PDB file of N, CA and C in Angstrom:
ATOM      1  N   MET A   1      82.050  16.607-149.980  1.00  0.00           N
ATOM      2  CA  MET A   1      82.455  17.853-150.140  1.00  0.00           C
ATOM      3  C   MET A   1      82.985  18.407-148.941  1.00  0.00           C
ATOM      4  N   LYS A   2      84.139  18.331-148.633  1.00  0.00           N
ATOM      5  CA  LYS A   2      84.610  18.723-147.383  1.00  0.00           C
ATOM      6  C   LYS A   2      84.925  20.319-147.344  1.00  0.00           C
ATOM      7  N   ASN A   3      84.422  20.975-146.224  1.00  0.00           N
ATOM      8  CA  ASN A   3      84.694  22.312-146.035  1.00  0.00           C
ATOM      9  C   ASN A   3      84.289  23.112-147.178  1.00  0.00           C
ATOM     10  N   PRO A   4      82.926  23.068-147.641  1.00  0.00           N
ATOM     11  CA  PRO A   4      82.571  23.912-148.827  1.00  0.00           C
ATOM     12  C   PRO A   4      82.492  25.317-148.422  1.00  0.00           C
ATOM     13  N   SER A   5      82.893  26.197-149.424  1.00  0.00           N
ATOM     14  CA  SER A   5      82.710  27.612-149.223  1.00  0.00           C
ATOM     15  C   SER A   5      81.592  28.077-150.187  1.00  0.00           C
ATOM     16  N   PHE A   6      80.482  28.466-149.527  1.00  0.00           N
ATOM     17  CA  PHE A   6      79.448  29.043-150.375  1.00  0.00           C
ATOM     18  C   PHE A   6      79.484  30.623-150.340  1.00  0.00           C
ATOM     19  N   LYS A   7      79.273  31.266-151.590  1.00  0.00           N
ATOM     20  CA  LYS A   7      79.357  32.668-151.613  1.00  0.00           C
ATOM     21  C   LYS A   7      78.091  33.286-151.192  1.00  0.00           C
ATOM     22  N   ASN A   8      77.018  32.595-151.076  1.00  0.00           N
ATOM     23  CA  ASN A   8      75.742  33.135-150.838  1.00  0.00           C
ATOM     24  C   ASN A   8      75.723  33.731-149.247  1.00  0.00           C
ATOM     25  N   PRO A   9      75.471  35.113-149.025  1.00  0.00           N
ATOM     26  CA  PRO A   9      75.598  35.502-147.714  1.00  0.00           C
ATOM     27  C   PRO A   9      74.610  35.234-146.818  1.00  0.00           C
ATOM     28  N   ASP A  10      73.556  34.673-147.312  1.00  0.00           N
ATOM     29  CA  ASP A  10      72.366  34.224-146.540  1.00  0.00           C
ATOM     30  C   ASP A  10      72.557  32.912-145.885  1.00  0.00           C
ATOM     31  N   PHE A  11      73.553  32.184-146.276  1.00  0.00           N
ATOM     32  CA  PHE A  11      73.699  30.777-145.882  1.00  0.00           C
ATOM     33  C   PHE A  11      75.069  30.647-145.148  1.00  0.00           C
ATOM     34  N   PHE A  12      75.014  29.967-143.975  1.00  0.00           N
ATOM     35  CA  PHE A  12      76.225  29.480-143.348  1.00  0.00           C
ATOM     36  C   PHE A  12      76.098  28.041-142.863  1.00  0.00           C
ATOM     37  N   THR A  13      77.247  27.368-142.654  1.00  0.00           N
ATOM     38  CA  THR A  13      77.235  26.026-142.026  1.00  0.00           C
ATOM     39  C   THR A  13      77.796  26.144-140.703  1.00  0.00           C
ATOM     40  N   SER A  14      77.386  25.104-139.915  1.00  0.00           N
ATOM     41  CA  SER A  14      77.921  25.104-138.558  1.00  0.00           C
ATOM     42  C   SER A  14      78.704  23.754-138.485  1.00  0.00           C
ATOM     43  N   GLY A  15      79.927  23.841-138.188  1.00  0.00           N
ATOM     44  CA  GLY A  15      80.711  22.532-138.216  1.00  0.00           C
ATOM     45  C   GLY A  15      81.608  22.558-139.498  1.00  0.00           C
ATOM     46  N   ASP A  16      82.258  21.391-139.729  1.00  0.00           N
ATOM     47  CA  ASP A  16      83.170  21.185-140.771  1.00  0.00           C
ATOM     48  C   ASP A  16      82.579  20.655-142.066  1.00  0.00           C
ATOM     49  N   GLU A  17      81.456  20.015-141.868  1.00  0.00           N
ATOM     50  CA  GLU A  17      80.827  19.387-143.095  1.00  0.00           C
ATOM     51  C   GLU A  17      79.473  19.928-143.399  1.00  0.00           C
ATOM     52  N   PHE A  18      79.322  20.074-144.756  1.00  0.00           N
ATOM     53  CA  PHE A  18      77.970  20.453-145.197  1.00  0.00           C
ATOM     54  C   PHE A  18      77.091  19.195-145.559  1.00  0.00           C
ATOM     55  N   GLN A  19      75.886  19.133-145.022  1.00  0.00           N
ATOM     56  CA  GLN A  19      75.024  18.090-145.495  1.00  0.00           C
ATOM     57  C   GLN A  19      73.699  18.539-146.038  1.00  0.00           C
ATOM     58  N   LEU A  20      73.428  18.073-147.267  1.00  0.00           N
ATOM     59  CA  LEU A  20      72.114  18.469-147.952  1.00  0.00           C
ATOM     60  C   LEU A  20      71.143  17.261-147.628  1.00  0.00           C
ATOM     61  N   SER A  21      70.053  17.666-147.056  1.00  0.00           N
ATOM     62  CA  SER A  21      69.050  16.504-146.857  1.00  0.00           C
ATOM     63  C   SER A  21      67.794  16.720-147.687  1.00  0.00           C
ATOM     64  N   ASN A  22      66.828  15.907-147.695  1.00  0.00           N
ATOM     65  CA  ASN A  22      65.640  16.144-148.394  1.00  0.00           C
ATOM     66  C   ASN A  22      65.788  16.411-149.788  1.00  0.00           C
ATOM     67  N   ILE A  23      66.751  15.625-150.509  1.00  0.00           N
ATOM     68  CA  ILE A  23      66.980  15.804-151.849  1.00  0.00           C
ATOM     69  C   ILE A  23      65.824  15.139-152.638  1.00  0.00           C
ATOM     70  N   GLU A  24      65.153  16.071-153.446  1.00  0.00           N
ATOM     71  CA  GLU A  24      64.006  15.592-154.182  1.00  0.00           C
ATOM     72  C   GLU A  24      64.340  15.153-155.507  1.00  0.00           C
ATOM     73  N   SER A  25      65.153  15.949-156.224  1.00  0.00           N
ATOM     74  CA  SER A  25      65.465  15.721-157.615  1.00  0.00           C
ATOM     75  C   SER A  25      66.862  16.104-157.859  1.00  0.00           C
ATOM     76  N   VAL A  26      67.318  15.510-159.032  1.00  0.00           N
ATOM     77  CA  VAL A  26      68.811  15.742-159.524  1.00  0.00           C
ATOM     78  C   VAL A  26      68.843  15.823-160.989  1.00  0.00           C
ATOM     79  N   GLY A  27      69.743  16.710-161.549  1.00  0.00           N
ATOM     80  CA  GLY A  27      69.968  16.747-162.951  1.00  0.00           C
ATOM     81  C   GLY A  27      71.548  16.982-163.214  1.00  0.00           C
ATOM     82  N   ILE A  28      71.865  16.392-164.298  1.00  0.00           N
ATOM     83  CA  ILE A  28      73.217  16.545-164.709  1.00  0.00           C
ATOM     84  C   ILE A  28      73.274  16.938-166.098  1.00  0.00           C
ATOM     85  N   LEU A  29      74.163  18.052-166.514  1.00  0.00           N
ATOM     86  CA  LEU A  29      74.260  18.468-167.839  1.00  0.00           C
ATOM     87  C   LEU A  29      75.764  18.894-167.973  1.00  0.00           C
ATOM     88  N   ASP A  30      76.642  18.198-168.893  1.00  0.00           N
ATOM     89  CA  ASP A  30      78.016  18.474-169.029  1.00  0.00           C
ATOM     90  C   ASP A  30      78.619  18.345-167.693  1.00  0.00           C
ATOM     91  N   SER A  31      79.278  19.361-167.235  1.00  0.00           N
ATOM     92  CA  SER A  31      80.081  19.216-165.953  1.00  0.00           C
ATOM     93  C   SER A  31      79.305  19.869-164.756  1.00  0.00           C
ATOM     94  N   VAL A  32      77.963  19.977-164.986  1.00  0.00           N
ATOM     95  CA  VAL A  32      77.103  20.668-163.859  1.00  0.00           C
ATOM     96  C   VAL A  32      76.216  19.668-163.331  1.00  0.00           C
ATOM     97  N   ILE A  33      76.121  19.673-161.963  1.00  0.00           N
ATOM     98  CA  ILE A  33      75.192  18.817-161.174  1.00  0.00           C
ATOM     99  C   ILE A  33      74.236  19.726-160.496  1.00  0.00           C
ATOM    100  N   VAL A  34      72.922  19.560-160.583  1.00  0.00           N
ATOM    101  CA  VAL A  34      71.936  20.404-159.952  1.00  0.00           C
ATOM    102  C   VAL A  34      71.050  19.499-159.054  1.00  0.00           C
ATOM    103  N   LEU A  35      71.012  19.892-157.790  1.00  0.00           N
ATOM    104  CA  LEU A  35      70.236  19.206-156.814  1.00  0.00           C
ATOM    105  C   LEU A  35      69.192  20.154-156.226  1.00  0.00           C
ATOM    106  N   HIS A  36      67.975  19.552-156.209  1.00  0.00           N
ATOM    107  CA  HIS A  36      66.818  20.378-155.628  1.00  0.00           C
ATOM    108  C   HIS A  36      66.442  19.712-154.326  1.00  0.00           C
ATOM    109  N   SER A  37      66.297  20.461-153.169  1.00  0.00           N
ATOM    110  CA  SER A  37      65.938  19.959-151.917  1.00  0.00           C
ATOM    111  C   SER A  37      64.683  20.654-151.345  1.00  0.00           C
ATOM    112  N   THR A  38      64.043  20.065-150.525  1.00  0.00           N
ATOM    113  CA  THR A  38      62.908  20.703-149.881  1.00  0.00           C
ATOM    114  C   THR A  38      63.225  20.960-148.276  1.00  0.00           C
ATOM    115  N   ASN A  39      62.776  22.058-147.768  1.00  0.00           N
ATOM    116  CA  ASN A  39      62.844  22.327-146.396  1.00  0.00           C
ATOM    117  C   ASN A  39      64.214  22.290-145.828  1.00  0.00           C
ATOM    118  N   ILE A  40      65.058  22.973-146.404  1.00  0.00           N
ATOM    119  CA  ILE A  40      66.443  23.154-145.993  1.00  0.00           C
ATOM    120  C   ILE A  40      66.409  24.507-145.155  1.00  0.00           C
ATOM    121  N   TYR A  41      67.031  24.326-143.880  1.00  0.00           N
ATOM    122  CA  TYR A  41      66.933  25.388-142.873  1.00  0.00           C
ATOM    123  C   TYR A  41      68.059  26.426-143.286  1.00  0.00           C
ATOM    124  N   TRP A  42      67.652  27.664-143.399  1.00  0.00           N
ATOM    125  CA  TRP A  42      68.511  28.822-143.635  1.00  0.00           C
ATOM    126  C   TRP A  42      68.641  29.658-142.373  1.00  0.00           C
ATOM    127  N   PRO A  43      69.609  29.447-141.521  1.00  0.00           N
ATOM    128  CA  PRO A  43      69.626  30.181-140.415  1.00  0.00           C
ATOM    129  C   PRO A  43      69.568  31.655-140.442  1.00  0.00           C
ATOM    130  N   LYS A  44      70.219  32.381-141.439  1.00  0.00           N
ATOM    131  CA  LYS A  44      70.149  33.759-141.543  1.00  0.00           C
ATOM    132  C   LYS A  44      68.817  34.288-142.114  1.00  0.00           C
ATOM    133  N   LEU A  45      68.124  33.436-142.703  1.00  0.00           N
ATOM    134  CA  LEU A  45      66.713  33.798-143.266  1.00  0.00           C
ATOM    135  C   LEU A  45      65.580  33.308-142.195  1.00  0.00           C
ATOM    136  N   SER A  46      66.093  32.545-141.158  1.00  0.00           N
ATOM    137  CA  SER A  46      65.184  32.098-140.156  1.00  0.00           C
ATOM    138  C   SER A  46      64.113  31.418-140.673  1.00  0.00           C
ATOM    139  N   GLY A  47      64.331  30.430-141.535  1.00  0.00           N
ATOM    140  CA  GLY A  47      63.193  29.563-142.031  1.00  0.00           C
ATOM    141  C   GLY A  47      63.789  28.388-142.841  1.00  0.00           C
ATOM    142  N   SER A  48      62.858  27.496-143.175  1.00  0.00           N
ATOM    143  CA  SER A  48      63.223  26.458-144.132  1.00  0.00           C
ATOM    144  C   SER A  48      62.597  26.606-145.400  1.00  0.00           C
ATOM    145  N   TYR A  49      63.414  26.504-146.516  1.00  0.00           N
ATOM    146  CA  TYR A  49      62.971  26.731-147.766  1.00  0.00           C
ATOM    147  C   TYR A  49      63.439  25.674-148.790  1.00  0.00           C
ATOM    148  N   ASN A  50      62.691  25.723-150.072  1.00  0.00           N
ATOM    149  CA  ASN A  50      63.134  24.888-151.002  1.00  0.00           C
ATOM    150  C   ASN A  50      64.520  25.402-151.553  1.00  0.00           C
ATOM    151  N   THR A  51      65.411  24.571-151.802  1.00  0.00           N
ATOM    152  CA  THR A  51      66.747  24.919-152.072  1.00  0.00           C
ATOM    153  C   THR A  51      67.442  24.303-153.293  1.00  0.00           C
ATOM    154  N   THR A  52      68.189  25.095-154.024  1.00  0.00           N
ATOM    155  CA  THR A  52      68.872  24.342-155.211  1.00  0.00           C
ATOM    156  C   THR A  52      70.342  24.571-154.988  1.00  0.00           C
ATOM    157  N   LEU A  53      71.072  23.578-155.059  1.00  0.00           N
ATOM    158  CA  LEU A  53      72.490  23.499-154.978  1.00  0.00           C
ATOM    159  C   LEU A  53      73.142  23.146-156.385  1.00  0.00           C
ATOM    160  N   ILE A  54      73.949  24.028-156.855  1.00  0.00           N
ATOM    161  CA  ILE A  54      74.666  23.846-158.170  1.00  0.00           C
ATOM    162  C   ILE A  54      76.091  23.463-157.884  1.00  0.00           C
ATOM    163  N   ILE A  55      76.606  22.412-158.465  1.00  0.00           N
ATOM    164  CA  ILE A  55      77.883  21.946-158.355  1.00  0.00           C
ATOM    165  C   ILE A  55      78.464  21.969-159.753  1.00  0.00           C
ATOM    166  N   ASP A  56      79.506  22.796-159.871  1.00  0.00           N
ATOM    167  CA  ASP A  56      80.237  22.967-161.199  1.00  0.00           C
ATOM    168  C   ASP A  56      81.493  22.264-161.059  1.00  0.00           C
ATOM    169  N   THR A  57      81.453  21.003-161.500  1.00  0.00           N
ATOM    170  CA  THR A  57      82.761  20.084-161.312  1.00  0.00           C
ATOM    171  C   THR A  57      83.886  20.522-162.186  1.00  0.00           C
ATOM    172  N   LYS A  58      83.632  21.279-163.186  1.00  0.00           N
ATOM    173  CA  LYS A  58      84.848  21.663-164.068  1.00  0.00           C
ATOM    174  C   LYS A  58      85.597  22.860-163.419  1.00  0.00           C
ATOM    175  N   ASN A  59      84.950  23.726-162.617  1.00  0.00           N
ATOM    176  CA  ASN A  59      85.607  24.679-161.851  1.00  0.00           C
ATOM    177  C   ASN A  59      85.701  24.475-160.400  1.00  0.00           C
ATOM    178  N   GLN A  60      85.203  23.374-160.007  1.00  0.00           N
ATOM    179  CA  GLN A  60      85.154  22.859-158.654  1.00  0.00           C
ATOM    180  C   GLN A  60      84.601  23.955-157.668  1.00  0.00           C
ATOM    181  N   SER A  61      83.428  24.566-158.121  1.00  0.00           N
ATOM    182  CA  SER A  61      82.648  25.461-157.274  1.00  0.00           C
ATOM    183  C   SER A  61      81.203  24.901-157.029  1.00  0.00           C
ATOM    184  N   LYS A  62      80.781  25.441-156.004  1.00  0.00           N
ATOM    185  CA  LYS A  62      79.391  25.081-155.506  1.00  0.00           C
ATOM    186  C   LYS A  62      78.654  26.386-155.156  1.00  0.00           C
ATOM    187  N   HIS A  63      77.316  26.330-155.483  1.00  0.00           N
ATOM    188  CA  HIS A  63      76.559  27.627-155.177  1.00  0.00           C
ATOM    189  C   HIS A  63      75.143  27.173-154.639  1.00  0.00           C
ATOM    190  N   ILE A  64      74.636  27.796-153.641  1.00  0.00           N
ATOM    191  CA  ILE A  64      73.519  27.367-152.987  1.00  0.00           C
ATOM    192  C   ILE A  64      72.447  28.571-152.921  1.00  0.00           C
ATOM    193  N   TYR A  65      71.225  28.270-153.256  1.00  0.00           N
ATOM    194  CA  TYR A  65      70.230  29.203-153.361  1.00  0.00           C
ATOM    195  C   TYR A  65      68.865  28.786-152.779  1.00  0.00           C
ATOM    196  N   SER A  66      68.342  29.627-151.952  1.00  0.00           N
ATOM    197  CA  SER A  66      66.893  29.603-151.538  1.00  0.00           C
ATOM    198  C   SER A  66      66.022  29.879-152.749  1.00  0.00           C
ATOM    199  N   ASN A  67      65.238  28.955-153.199  1.00  0.00           N
ATOM    200  CA  ASN A  67      64.396  29.305-154.386  1.00  0.00           C
ATOM    201  C   ASN A  67      63.522  30.546-154.186  1.00  0.00           C
ATOM    202  N   GLN A  68      63.079  30.641-152.973  1.00  0.00           N
ATOM    203  CA  GLN A  68      62.109  31.832-152.620  1.00  0.00           C
ATOM    204  C   GLN A  68      62.832  33.046-152.586  1.00  0.00           C
ATOM    205  N   HIS A  69      64.176  33.208-152.191  1.00  0.00           N
ATOM    206  CA  HIS A  69      64.735  34.426-151.952  1.00  0.00           C
ATOM    207  C   HIS A  69      65.797  34.790-153.081  1.00  0.00           C
ATOM    208  N   HIS A  70      66.227  33.732-153.749  1.00  0.00           N
ATOM    209  CA  HIS A  70      67.423  34.012-154.684  1.00  0.00           C
ATOM    210  C   HIS A  70      67.207  33.402-156.009  1.00  0.00           C
ATOM    211  N   ASN A  71      65.840  33.472-156.553  1.00  0.00           N
ATOM    212  CA  ASN A  71      65.515  32.927-157.829  1.00  0.00           C
ATOM    213  C   ASN A  71      66.348  33.541-158.959  1.00  0.00           C
ATOM    214  N   SER A  72      66.390  34.971-158.872  1.00  0.00           N
ATOM    215  CA  SER A  72      67.137  35.639-159.855  1.00  0.00           C
ATOM    216  C   SER A  72      68.573  35.249-159.937  1.00  0.00           C
ATOM    217  N   ASP A  73      69.131  35.249-158.733  1.00  0.00           N
ATOM    218  CA  ASP A  73      70.619  34.740-158.767  1.00  0.00           C
ATOM    219  C   ASP A  73      70.769  33.433-159.249  1.00  0.00           C
ATOM    220  N   LEU A  74      69.897  32.506-158.873  1.00  0.00           N
ATOM    221  CA  LEU A  74      69.911  31.080-159.386  1.00  0.00           C
ATOM    222  C   LEU A  74      69.826  31.112-160.938  1.00  0.00           C
ATOM    223  N   ASN A  75      69.008  31.761-161.550  1.00  0.00           N
ATOM    224  CA  ASN A  75      68.751  31.914-162.901  1.00  0.00           C
ATOM    225  C   ASN A  75      70.085  32.528-163.558  1.00  0.00           C
ATOM    226  N   ASP A  76      70.570  33.551-162.943  1.00  0.00           N
ATOM    227  CA  ASP A  76      71.874  34.157-163.419  1.00  0.00           C
ATOM    228  C   ASP A  76      72.985  33.146-163.408  1.00  0.00           C
ATOM    229  N   LYS A  77      73.126  32.343-162.270  1.00  0.00           N
ATOM    230  CA  LYS A  77      74.230  31.354-162.263  1.00  0.00           C
ATOM    231  C   LYS A  77      74.044  30.389-163.383  1.00  0.00           C
ATOM    232  N   LEU A  78      72.907  29.903-163.538  1.00  0.00           N
ATOM    233  CA  LEU A  78      72.667  28.834-164.606  1.00  0.00           C
ATOM    234  C   LEU A  78      72.939  29.419-165.971  1.00  0.00           C
ATOM    235  N   GLY A  79      72.689  30.650-166.202  1.00  0.00           N
ATOM    236  CA  GLY A  79      73.078  31.346-167.370  1.00  0.00           C
ATOM    237  C   GLY A  79      74.544  31.394-167.719  1.00  0.00           C
ATOM    238  N   GLU A  80      75.288  31.667-166.603  1.00  0.00           N
ATOM    239  CA  GLU A  80      76.690  31.818-166.634  1.00  0.00           C
ATOM    240  C   GLU A  80      77.330  30.365-166.983  1.00  0.00           C
ATOM    241  N   LEU A  81      76.725  29.367-166.466  1.00  0.00           N
ATOM    242  CA  LEU A  81      77.131  28.090-166.791  1.00  0.00           C
ATOM    243  C   LEU A  81      76.528  27.400-168.092  1.00  0.00           C
ATOM    244  N   ASN A  82      75.949  28.389-169.007  1.00  0.00           N
ATOM    245  CA  ASN A  82      75.268  27.924-170.252  1.00  0.00           C
ATOM    246  C   ASN A  82      74.266  26.849-170.150  1.00  0.00           C
ATOM    247  N   ILE A  83      73.588  26.930-168.975  1.00  0.00           N
ATOM    248  CA  ILE A  83      72.500  26.001-168.713  1.00  0.00           C
ATOM    249  C   ILE A  83      71.237  26.703-169.024  1.00  0.00           C
ATOM    250  N   LYS A  84      70.622  26.442-170.235  1.00  0.00           N
ATOM    251  CA  LYS A  84      69.311  27.095-170.629  1.00  0.00           C
ATOM    252  C   LYS A  84      68.217  26.364-169.940  1.00  0.00           C
ATOM    253  N   SER A  85      68.310  25.113-169.844  1.00  0.00           N
ATOM    254  CA  SER A  85      67.315  24.165-169.237  1.00  0.00           C
ATOM    255  C   SER A  85      67.931  22.821-168.888  1.00  0.00           C
ATOM    256  N   ILE A  86      67.492  22.347-167.769  1.00  0.00           N
ATOM    257  CA  ILE A  86      67.990  21.009-167.206  1.00  0.00           C
ATOM    258  C   ILE A  86      66.849  20.421-166.737  1.00  0.00           C
ATOM    259  N   ASN A  87      66.800  19.080-167.133  1.00  0.00           N
ATOM    260  CA  ASN A  87      65.750  18.106-166.517  1.00  0.00           C
ATOM    261  C   ASN A  87      66.194  17.666-165.313  1.00  0.00           C
ATOM    262  N   LEU A  88      65.364  17.874-164.188  1.00  0.00           N
ATOM    263  CA  LEU A  88      65.538  17.349-162.919  1.00  0.00           C
ATOM    264  C   LEU A  88      64.730  15.969-162.859  1.00  0.00           C
ATOM    265  N   PHE A  89      65.382  14.918-162.494  1.00  0.00           N
ATOM    266  CA  PHE A  89      64.693  13.660-162.308  1.00  0.00           C
ATOM    267  C   PHE A  89      64.527  13.336-160.812  1.00  0.00           C
ATOM    268  N   PRO A  90      63.350  12.709-160.461  1.00  0.00           N
ATOM    269  CA  PRO A  90      63.206  12.390-159.045  1.00  0.00           C
ATOM    270  C   PRO A  90      64.261  11.449-158.615  1.00  0.00           C
ATOM    271  N   LEU A  91      64.956  11.832-157.417  1.00  0.00           N
ATOM    272  CA  LEU A  91      66.009  11.208-156.987  1.00  0.00           C
ATOM    273  C   LEU A  91      65.654   9.652-156.698  1.00  0.00           C
ATOM    274  N   GLU A  92      64.556   9.457-156.053  1.00  0.00           N
ATOM    275  CA  GLU A  92      64.218   8.072-155.684  1.00  0.00           C
ATOM    276  C   GLU A  92      64.051   7.153-156.926  1.00  0.00           C
ATOM    277  N   SER A  93      63.522   7.680-158.028  1.00  0.00           N
ATOM    278  CA  SER A  93      63.486   6.943-159.391  1.00  0.00           C
ATOM    279  C   SER A  93      64.845   6.634-159.835  1.00  0.00           C
ATOM    280  N   VAL A  94      65.765   7.607-159.861  1.00  0.00           N
ATOM    281  CA  VAL A  94      67.144   7.453-160.328  1.00  0.00           C
ATOM    282  C   VAL A  94      67.830   6.362-159.464  1.00  0.00           C
ATOM    283  N   LEU A  95      67.577   6.382-158.211  1.00  0.00           N
ATOM    284  CA  LEU A  95      68.365   5.430-157.367  1.00  0.00           C
ATOM    285  C   LEU A  95      67.725   4.029-157.632  1.00  0.00           C
ATOM    286  N   LYS A  96      66.461   3.906-157.737  1.00  0.00           N
ATOM    287  CA  LYS A  96      65.849   2.594-158.028  1.00  0.00           C
ATOM    288  C   LYS A  96      66.239   2.042-159.338  1.00  0.00           C
ATOM    289  N   SER A  97      66.355   2.870-160.344  1.00  0.00           N
ATOM    290  CA  SER A  97      66.635   2.403-161.658  1.00  0.00           C
ATOM    291  C   SER A  97      68.136   1.916-161.704  1.00  0.00           C
ATOM    292  N   PHE A  98      69.007   2.746-160.952  1.00  0.00           N
ATOM    293  CA  PHE A  98      70.459   2.371-160.969  1.00  0.00           C
ATOM    294  C   PHE A  98      70.544   1.005-160.154  1.00  0.00           C
ATOM    295  N   GLN A  99      69.884   0.939-159.115  1.00  0.00           N
ATOM    296  CA  GLN A  99      69.993  -0.284-158.271  1.00  0.00           C
ATOM    297  C   GLN A  99      69.490  -1.584-159.031  1.00  0.00           C
ATOM    298  N   ALA A 100      68.430  -1.401-159.704  1.00  0.00           N
ATOM    299  CA  ALA A 100      67.814  -2.550-160.440  1.00  0.00           C
ATOM    300  C   ALA A 100      68.562  -2.961-161.697  1.00  0.00           C
ATOM    301  N   ASN A 101      68.908  -1.859-162.639  1.00  0.00           N
ATOM    302  CA  ASN A 101      69.527  -2.041-163.874  1.00  0.00           C
ATOM    303  C   ASN A 101      70.829  -1.438-164.124  1.00  0.00           C
ATOM    304  N   LEU A 102      71.462  -0.849-163.130  1.00  0.00           N
ATOM    305  CA  LEU A 102      72.717  -0.214-163.327  1.00  0.00           C
ATOM    306  C   LEU A 102      72.552   0.882-164.333  1.00  0.00           C
ATOM    307  N   SER A 103      71.596   1.596-164.549  1.00  0.00           N
ATOM    308  CA  SER A 103      71.355   2.475-165.565  1.00  0.00           C
ATOM    309  C   SER A 103      70.979   3.858-165.011  1.00  0.00           C
ATOM    310  N   LEU A 104      71.380   4.859-165.690  1.00  0.00           N
ATOM    311  CA  LEU A 104      71.177   6.375-165.361  1.00  0.00           C
ATOM    312  C   LEU A 104      70.379   6.917-166.378  1.00  0.00           C
ATOM    313  N   PRO A 105      69.634   8.016-166.218  1.00  0.00           N
ATOM    314  CA  PRO A 105      68.913   8.738-167.279  1.00  0.00           C
ATOM    315  C   PRO A 105      69.679   8.856-168.603  1.00  0.00           C
ATOM    316  N   LYS A 106      69.125   8.573-169.767  1.00  0.00           N
ATOM    317  CA  LYS A 106      69.846   8.519-171.023  1.00  0.00           C
ATOM    318  C   LYS A 106      70.495   9.874-171.397  1.00  0.00           C
ATOM    319  N   GLU A 107      69.902  10.927-170.959  1.00  0.00           N
ATOM    320  CA  GLU A 107      70.480  12.209-171.233  1.00  0.00           C
ATOM    321  C   GLU A 107      71.680  12.591-170.467  1.00  0.00           C
ATOM    322  N   TRP A 108      72.038  11.680-169.477  1.00  0.00           N
ATOM    323  CA  TRP A 108      73.235  11.971-168.649  1.00  0.00           C
ATOM    324  C   TRP A 108      74.498  11.242-169.372  1.00  0.00           C
ATOM    325  N   HIS A 109      74.280  10.556-170.381  1.00  0.00           N
ATOM    326  CA  HIS A 109      75.302   9.855-171.049  1.00  0.00           C
ATOM    327  C   HIS A 109      75.950  10.736-171.996  1.00  0.00           C
TER     328      HIS A 109
END
């Protein structure tokens, strides 16, 4: 994702590329990918927080939220995308299953 533009005023990137680390879990529903990370540093909030990144592939948009500070906005965005609930799978399990069996969680099909 080159030069992402995030609408969240509490987050900014330094440099040309955005890197999300400490990805704990991932979910896919229709054209929406949700990633949950731990301990992402938010410079404007002066701390590290659990973070959710939503990628709307249909509209080519991405949205980032500190779970502690933006929970209401996160839920509003999921509602806008018609995501009433989404199962997040541990990333490590998804990777191991894919490497071993070339399979992804059945609900992603």
